[in-house]
Protein backbone atom coordinates (compact mmCIF):
# COMPACT_ATOMS: atom_id res chain seq x y z
CA MET A 1 0.00 0.00 0.00
CA GLU A 2 1.32 3.41 -0.95
CA ASN A 3 1.50 6.16 1.65
CA PHE A 4 -1.03 8.97 1.53
CA THR A 5 -0.09 12.39 2.84
CA VAL A 6 -1.94 15.65 3.21
CA ASP A 7 -0.14 18.96 3.80
CA ILE A 8 -2.07 22.10 4.67
CA ASP A 9 -0.62 25.58 4.09
CA TRP A 10 -2.22 28.97 4.66
CA HIS A 11 -1.76 31.48 1.79
CA GLY A 12 -3.35 34.80 2.64
CA THR A 13 -7.09 34.19 2.30
CA ALA A 14 -6.67 30.69 0.92
CA VAL A 15 -5.82 27.28 2.30
CA VAL A 16 -3.79 24.99 0.06
CA ILE A 17 -4.20 21.27 0.68
CA ARG A 18 -1.52 19.21 -1.08
CA LEU A 19 -2.25 15.53 -1.62
CA SER A 20 0.16 12.76 -2.48
CA GLY A 21 -0.19 9.02 -2.80
CA GLU A 22 -3.38 7.03 -3.22
CA LEU A 23 -6.74 8.59 -2.34
CA ASP A 24 -9.06 5.63 -1.82
CA LEU A 25 -11.49 4.04 0.62
CA ALA A 26 -8.78 3.62 3.26
CA THR A 27 -7.37 7.16 2.99
CA ALA A 28 -10.44 9.24 2.10
CA PRO A 29 -11.34 9.80 5.79
CA THR A 30 -7.96 11.54 6.28
CA LEU A 31 -8.82 14.03 3.55
CA ARG A 32 -12.34 14.46 4.90
CA ASP A 33 -10.89 15.33 8.31
CA CYS A 34 -8.41 17.81 6.82
CA LEU A 35 -11.12 19.56 4.80
CA GLY A 36 -13.22 19.80 7.97
CA VAL A 37 -10.30 21.27 9.92
CA ALA A 38 -9.60 23.80 7.15
CA LEU A 39 -13.20 24.97 7.13
CA ALA A 40 -13.56 25.00 10.93
CA GLU A 41 -10.27 26.66 11.77
CA PHE A 42 -10.06 29.15 8.92
CA GLY A 43 -13.72 30.15 8.64
CA SER A 44 -14.94 30.11 5.06
CA PRO A 45 -11.75 30.20 3.08
CA THR A 46 -10.86 29.57 -0.43
CA LEU A 47 -9.63 25.99 -0.54
CA VAL A 48 -7.25 24.82 -3.24
CA VAL A 49 -6.68 21.07 -3.36
CA ASP A 50 -3.37 20.39 -5.16
CA THR A 51 -3.75 16.90 -6.61
CA GLY A 52 -0.41 16.83 -8.44
CA GLY A 53 1.03 14.24 -6.08
CA LEU A 54 -1.88 11.80 -6.35
CA THR A 55 -1.05 8.49 -7.98
CA PHE A 56 -4.59 7.11 -7.68
CA CYS A 57 -8.10 8.29 -6.81
CA ASP A 58 -11.16 6.06 -6.59
CA SER A 59 -14.84 6.89 -6.14
CA SER A 60 -14.36 7.26 -2.37
CA GLY A 61 -11.77 9.95 -2.89
CA LEU A 62 -13.91 11.67 -5.51
CA SER A 63 -16.85 11.61 -3.11
CA VAL A 64 -14.79 13.34 -0.41
CA LEU A 65 -13.67 16.02 -2.87
CA LEU A 66 -17.27 16.61 -3.92
CA SER A 67 -18.40 16.70 -0.28
CA GLY A 68 -15.65 19.21 0.48
CA LEU A 69 -16.82 21.39 -2.40
CA SER A 70 -20.40 21.37 -1.10
CA LEU A 71 -19.30 22.11 2.48
CA ALA A 72 -17.03 24.96 1.36
CA GLU A 73 -19.80 26.50 -0.73
CA SER A 74 -22.33 26.12 2.11
CA ALA A 75 -19.90 28.00 4.38
CA GLY A 76 -19.58 30.81 1.86
CA GLY A 77 -16.21 29.67 0.56
CA SER A 78 -15.01 27.79 -2.48
CA LEU A 79 -12.92 24.76 -3.38
CA ALA A 80 -10.84 24.37 -6.51
CA LEU A 81 -8.56 21.61 -7.77
CA SER A 82 -5.09 22.22 -9.15
CA ALA A 83 -2.53 20.07 -10.97
CA VAL A 84 -5.19 17.54 -11.98
CA GLY A 85 -3.86 14.89 -14.29
CA GLY A 86 -3.81 11.26 -15.22
CA GLN A 87 -6.38 8.97 -13.68
CA LEU A 88 -8.09 11.72 -11.66
CA ALA A 89 -8.58 13.83 -14.78
CA ARG A 90 -10.15 10.84 -16.55
CA LEU A 91 -12.38 10.10 -13.54
CA LEU A 92 -13.61 13.71 -13.41
CA ALA A 93 -14.28 13.71 -17.16
CA VAL A 94 -16.13 10.36 -17.16
CA THR A 95 -18.38 11.42 -14.26
CA GLY A 96 -18.92 14.94 -15.65
CA LEU A 97 -17.61 16.43 -12.41
CA ASN A 98 -14.95 18.37 -14.28
CA ALA A 99 -17.76 20.85 -14.95
CA ARG A 100 -18.61 21.07 -11.24
CA PHE A 101 -15.10 21.88 -9.99
CA GLN A 102 -12.96 24.88 -10.79
CA ILE A 103 -9.80 23.25 -12.14
CA PHE A 104 -6.48 25.04 -12.57
CA THR A 105 -3.21 23.90 -14.11
CA THR A 106 -1.11 25.00 -11.11
CA THR A 107 -1.70 26.02 -7.52
CA PRO A 108 -0.24 29.52 -8.06
CA GLU A 109 -2.70 30.02 -10.93
CA ALA A 110 -5.59 28.92 -8.70
CA LEU A 111 -4.49 31.29 -5.92
CA ASP A 112 -4.17 34.21 -8.35
CA ARG A 113 -7.53 33.61 -10.01
CA MET A 114 -9.54 32.77 -6.90
CA GLU A 115 -8.41 35.51 -4.50
């Protein structure tokens, strides 16, 4: 099993959540908890989830990302994805969720365009 890590950084009015490893049924609760912490501790921030380090994402991971988007919007904030590629990009396209998320090529681009 590949390690899954989540790093959270504060950037002005935005929180950047960097993911690496496999986001699946076993690791999705870790991301859910981190999204909850970001929303609770930072109010209703702009959340940017940098997925560049993900090597895999299944439906459980996608569900947590979608839940995070809904929670952020309900709190008056927003959630965008950056550095989306490979399998996650295909999963978003197949499910049509690429139209639901704001998706940026890089995290700096997301921060510039969202703030």
